[in-house]
Amino acid sequence: MAILKIDEVSTEGGVTQLVVEGEIDLDTVSTLRAKLEELKQRGACRLVLDFGETRYVNSSALAVLVKFAETFREQGGGIALARVSPRVKLVFEMLGLLVFFKFFDSVEAAKAAFPAGAQG
C-alpha cells in the first residue's frame, strides 16, 4: 500500500508551502484532497507544493490538483509545483497538463511566482 505524507511547512507572504512525500494514488489521493480542502476552508488560495520527495502520481491525483488549482485561481491564487522529478512530470505531460501548471526548480522560485502583496 502506498504511503503519503503532507506537511504544511510555512505560510509567509500569503503563500502556503506544503511538502508532499511518497505516492499519490487511489489509496492516498483522499489525503491530498482533504488537505487541500482544509486549506481552502481556511481561506488559503496560494500554494506551493514541494514534490521533491514525491515518487509517484496517477491520474486521480492530477484530477484533484486540477480541481483545486481552478478553485484557487478563481480566488486570485493558484498552485505552483516545485522540485518535480522527471518521472512525476512525465505523468503531467502524458495527460496534457504541462500548460495547466507552473513548474519550478526550487520552492523559492515557486513562491516568487505569486505577485507580491496579494492576499490568500
C-alpha atoms as a PDB file:
ATOM      1  CA  MET A   1       0.000   0.000   0.000  1.00  0.00           C
ATOM      2  CA  ALA A   2       1.251   3.461  -0.877  1.00  0.00           C
ATOM      3  CA  ILE A   3       2.211   5.966   1.791  1.00  0.00           C
ATOM      4  CA  LEU A   4       1.634   9.712   1.509  1.00  0.00           C
ATOM      5  CA  LYS A   5       2.788  12.360   3.957  1.00  0.00           C
ATOM      6  CA  ILE A   6       1.855  16.028   3.541  1.00  0.00           C
ATOM      7  CA  ASP A   7       3.483  18.582   5.829  1.00  0.00           C
ATOM      8  CA  GLU A   8       2.489  22.216   5.952  1.00  0.00           C
ATOM      9  CA  VAL A   9       5.897  23.820   6.306  1.00  0.00           C
ATOM     10  CA  SER A  10       5.106  27.511   6.313  1.00  0.00           C
ATOM     11  CA  THR A  11       2.793  30.286   5.325  1.00  0.00           C
ATOM     12  CA  GLU A  12       4.583  33.512   4.586  1.00  0.00           C
ATOM     13  CA  GLY A  13       3.591  36.390   2.397  1.00  0.00           C
ATOM     14  CA  GLY A  14       0.210  34.763   1.862  1.00  0.00           C
ATOM     15  CA  VAL A  15       1.793  31.681   0.238  1.00  0.00           C
ATOM     16  CA  THR A  16       1.358  28.290   1.910  1.00  0.00           C
ATOM     17  CA  GLN A  17       4.097  25.713   1.339  1.00  0.00           C
ATOM     18  CA  LEU A  18       3.378  22.000   1.531  1.00  0.00           C
ATOM     19  CA  VAL A  19       5.936  19.206   1.345  1.00  0.00           C
ATOM     20  CA  VAL A  20       4.390  16.194  -0.383  1.00  0.00           C
ATOM     21  CA  GLU A  21       6.271  12.961   0.273  1.00  0.00           C
ATOM     22  CA  GLY A  22       5.513   9.487  -1.064  1.00  0.00           C
ATOM     23  CA  GLU A  23       2.989   8.293  -3.614  1.00  0.00           C
ATOM     24  CA  ILE A  24      -0.366   9.730  -4.637  1.00  0.00           C
ATOM     25  CA  ASP A  25      -2.638   7.010  -5.992  1.00  0.00           C
ATOM     26  CA  LEU A  26      -6.162   5.679  -5.410  1.00  0.00           C
ATOM     27  CA  ASP A  27      -5.245   4.661  -1.847  1.00  0.00           C
ATOM     28  CA  THR A  28      -3.785   8.039  -0.840  1.00  0.00           C
ATOM     29  CA  VAL A  29      -5.486  10.652  -3.024  1.00  0.00           C
ATOM     30  CA  SER A  30      -8.095  11.248  -0.305  1.00  0.00           C
ATOM     31  CA  THR A  31      -5.280  12.520   1.956  1.00  0.00           C
ATOM     32  CA  LEU A  32      -4.314  15.098  -0.672  1.00  0.00           C
ATOM     33  CA  ARG A  33      -7.941  16.080  -1.272  1.00  0.00           C
ATOM     34  CA  ALA A  34      -8.590  16.510   2.464  1.00  0.00           C
ATOM     35  CA  LYS A  35      -5.507  18.712   2.964  1.00  0.00           C
ATOM     36  CA  LEU A  36      -6.373  20.954   0.009  1.00  0.00           C
ATOM     37  CA  GLU A  37      -9.977  21.202   1.188  1.00  0.00           C
ATOM     38  CA  GLU A  38      -8.791  22.168   4.682  1.00  0.00           C
ATOM     39  CA  LEU A  39      -6.597  24.924   3.220  1.00  0.00           C
ATOM     40  CA  LYS A  40      -9.472  26.168   1.066  1.00  0.00           C
ATOM     41  CA  GLN A  41     -11.738  26.333   4.134  1.00  0.00           C
ATOM     42  CA  ARG A  42      -9.055  28.350   5.953  1.00  0.00           C
ATOM     43  CA  GLY A  43      -9.011  30.838   3.085  1.00  0.00           C
ATOM     44  CA  ALA A  44      -5.636  29.880   1.629  1.00  0.00           C
ATOM     45  CA  CYS A  45      -5.510  30.139  -2.147  1.00  0.00           C
ATOM     46  CA  ARG A  46      -1.809  30.489  -2.984  1.00  0.00           C
ATOM     47  CA  LEU A  47       0.003  27.181  -2.608  1.00  0.00           C
ATOM     48  CA  VAL A  48       3.455  25.867  -3.356  1.00  0.00           C
ATOM     49  CA  LEU A  49       3.632  22.086  -3.417  1.00  0.00           C
ATOM     50  CA  ASP A  50       7.167  20.773  -2.953  1.00  0.00           C
ATOM     51  CA  PHE A  51       7.184  17.499  -4.879  1.00  0.00           C
ATOM     52  CA  GLY A  52      10.897  16.822  -4.284  1.00  0.00           C
ATOM     53  CA  GLU A  53      10.073  13.649  -2.331  1.00  0.00           C
ATOM     54  CA  THR A  54       7.019  12.621  -4.370  1.00  0.00           C
ATOM     55  CA  ARG A  55       7.815   9.335  -6.095  1.00  0.00           C
ATOM     56  CA  TYR A  56       4.562   8.688  -7.971  1.00  0.00           C
ATOM     57  CA  VAL A  57       1.313  10.345  -9.005  1.00  0.00           C
ATOM     58  CA  ASN A  58      -1.555   8.904 -11.017  1.00  0.00           C
ATOM     59  CA  SER A  59      -4.414  10.460 -12.945  1.00  0.00           C
ATOM     60  CA  SER A  60      -6.679  10.606  -9.869  1.00  0.00           C
ATOM     61  CA  ALA A  61      -4.052  12.746  -8.115  1.00  0.00           C
ATOM     62  CA  LEU A  62      -3.863  15.075 -11.083  1.00  0.00           C
ATOM     63  CA  ALA A  63      -7.649  15.349 -11.248  1.00  0.00           C
ATOM     64  CA  VAL A  64      -7.648  16.575  -7.628  1.00  0.00           C
ATOM     65  CA  LEU A  65      -4.820  19.024  -8.336  1.00  0.00           C
ATOM     66  CA  VAL A  66      -6.617  20.409 -11.406  1.00  0.00           C
ATOM     67  CA  LYS A  67      -9.858  20.871  -9.468  1.00  0.00           C
ATOM     68  CA  PHE A  68      -8.200  22.756  -6.623  1.00  0.00           C
ATOM     69  CA  ALA A  69      -5.913  24.746  -8.918  1.00  0.00           C
ATOM     70  CA  GLU A  70      -9.006  26.053 -10.708  1.00  0.00           C
ATOM     71  CA  THR A  71     -10.720  26.837  -7.391  1.00  0.00           C
ATOM     72  CA  PHE A  72      -7.673  28.682  -6.048  1.00  0.00           C
ATOM     73  CA  ARG A  73      -7.216  30.583  -9.318  1.00  0.00           C
ATOM     74  CA  GLU A  74     -10.801  31.816  -9.099  1.00  0.00           C
ATOM     75  CA  GLN A  75      -9.891  33.191  -5.653  1.00  0.00           C
ATOM     76  CA  GLY A  76      -6.866  35.029  -7.056  1.00  0.00           C
ATOM     77  CA  GLY A  77      -4.237  32.398  -6.261  1.00  0.00           C
ATOM     78  CA  GLY A  78      -3.201  29.068  -7.680  1.00  0.00           C
ATOM     79  CA  ILE A  79      -0.916  26.074  -7.209  1.00  0.00           C
ATOM     80  CA  ALA A  80       2.769  26.180  -8.117  1.00  0.00           C
ATOM     81  CA  LEU A  81       4.752  22.939  -8.230  1.00  0.00           C
ATOM     82  CA  ALA A  82       8.376  22.827  -7.092  1.00  0.00           C
ATOM     83  CA  ARG A  83      11.113  20.213  -7.479  1.00  0.00           C
ATOM     84  CA  VAL A  84       9.010  17.803  -9.567  1.00  0.00           C
ATOM     85  CA  SER A  85      11.014  14.769 -10.644  1.00  0.00           C
ATOM     86  CA  PRO A  86      11.185  13.908 -14.362  1.00  0.00           C
ATOM     87  CA  ARG A  87       9.257  10.693 -13.659  1.00  0.00           C
ATOM     88  CA  VAL A  88       6.369  12.546 -11.997  1.00  0.00           C
ATOM     89  CA  LYS A  89       6.444  15.367 -14.538  1.00  0.00           C
ATOM     90  CA  LEU A  90       6.036  12.762 -17.286  1.00  0.00           C
ATOM     91  CA  VAL A  91       2.559  11.926 -15.925  1.00  0.00           C
ATOM     92  CA  PHE A  92       1.576  15.604 -16.215  1.00  0.00           C
ATOM     93  CA  GLU A  93       2.957  15.611 -19.750  1.00  0.00           C
ATOM     94  CA  MET A  94       1.144  12.424 -20.819  1.00  0.00           C
ATOM     95  CA  LEU A  95      -2.149  13.914 -19.636  1.00  0.00           C
ATOM     96  CA  GLY A  96      -1.512  17.237 -21.374  1.00  0.00           C
ATOM     97  CA  LEU A  97      -1.266  19.212 -18.130  1.00  0.00           C
ATOM     98  CA  LEU A  98       2.139  20.871 -18.525  1.00  0.00           C
ATOM     99  CA  VAL A  99       0.476  24.084 -19.684  1.00  0.00           C
ATOM    100  CA  PHE A 100      -2.035  23.985 -16.818  1.00  0.00           C
ATOM    101  CA  PHE A 101       0.568  24.059 -14.031  1.00  0.00           C
ATOM    102  CA  LYS A 102       3.720  26.084 -13.453  1.00  0.00           C
ATOM    103  CA  PHE A 103       6.794  24.050 -12.600  1.00  0.00           C
ATOM    104  CA  PHE A 104       9.790  25.455 -10.719  1.00  0.00           C
ATOM    105  CA  ASP A 105      13.223  24.077  -9.852  1.00  0.00           C
ATOM    106  CA  SER A 106      13.063  25.459  -6.310  1.00  0.00           C
ATOM    107  CA  VAL A 107      10.491  26.301  -3.660  1.00  0.00           C
ATOM    108  CA  GLU A 108      11.835  29.863  -3.551  1.00  0.00           C
ATOM    109  CA  ALA A 109      11.226  30.360  -7.282  1.00  0.00           C
ATOM    110  CA  ALA A 110       7.712  28.945  -6.932  1.00  0.00           C
ATOM    111  CA  LYS A 111       6.900  31.319  -4.075  1.00  0.00           C
ATOM    112  CA  ALA A 112       8.284  34.255  -6.048  1.00  0.00           C
ATOM    113  CA  ALA A 113       5.915  33.451  -8.921  1.00  0.00           C
ATOM    114  CA  PHE A 114       2.977  34.779  -6.900  1.00  0.00           C
ATOM    115  CA  PRO A 115       2.532  38.563  -7.075  1.00  0.00           C
ATOM    116  CA  ALA A 116       3.788  40.387  -4.001  1.00  0.00           C
ATOM    117  CA  GLY A 117       1.142  41.841  -1.760  1.00  0.00           C
ATOM    118  CA  ALA A 118      -1.724  39.647  -2.993  1.00  0.00           C
ATOM    119  CA  GLN A 119      -3.705  38.007  -0.239  1.00  0.00           C
ATOM    120  CA  GLY A 120      -4.856  34.440   0.068  1.00  0.00           C
END
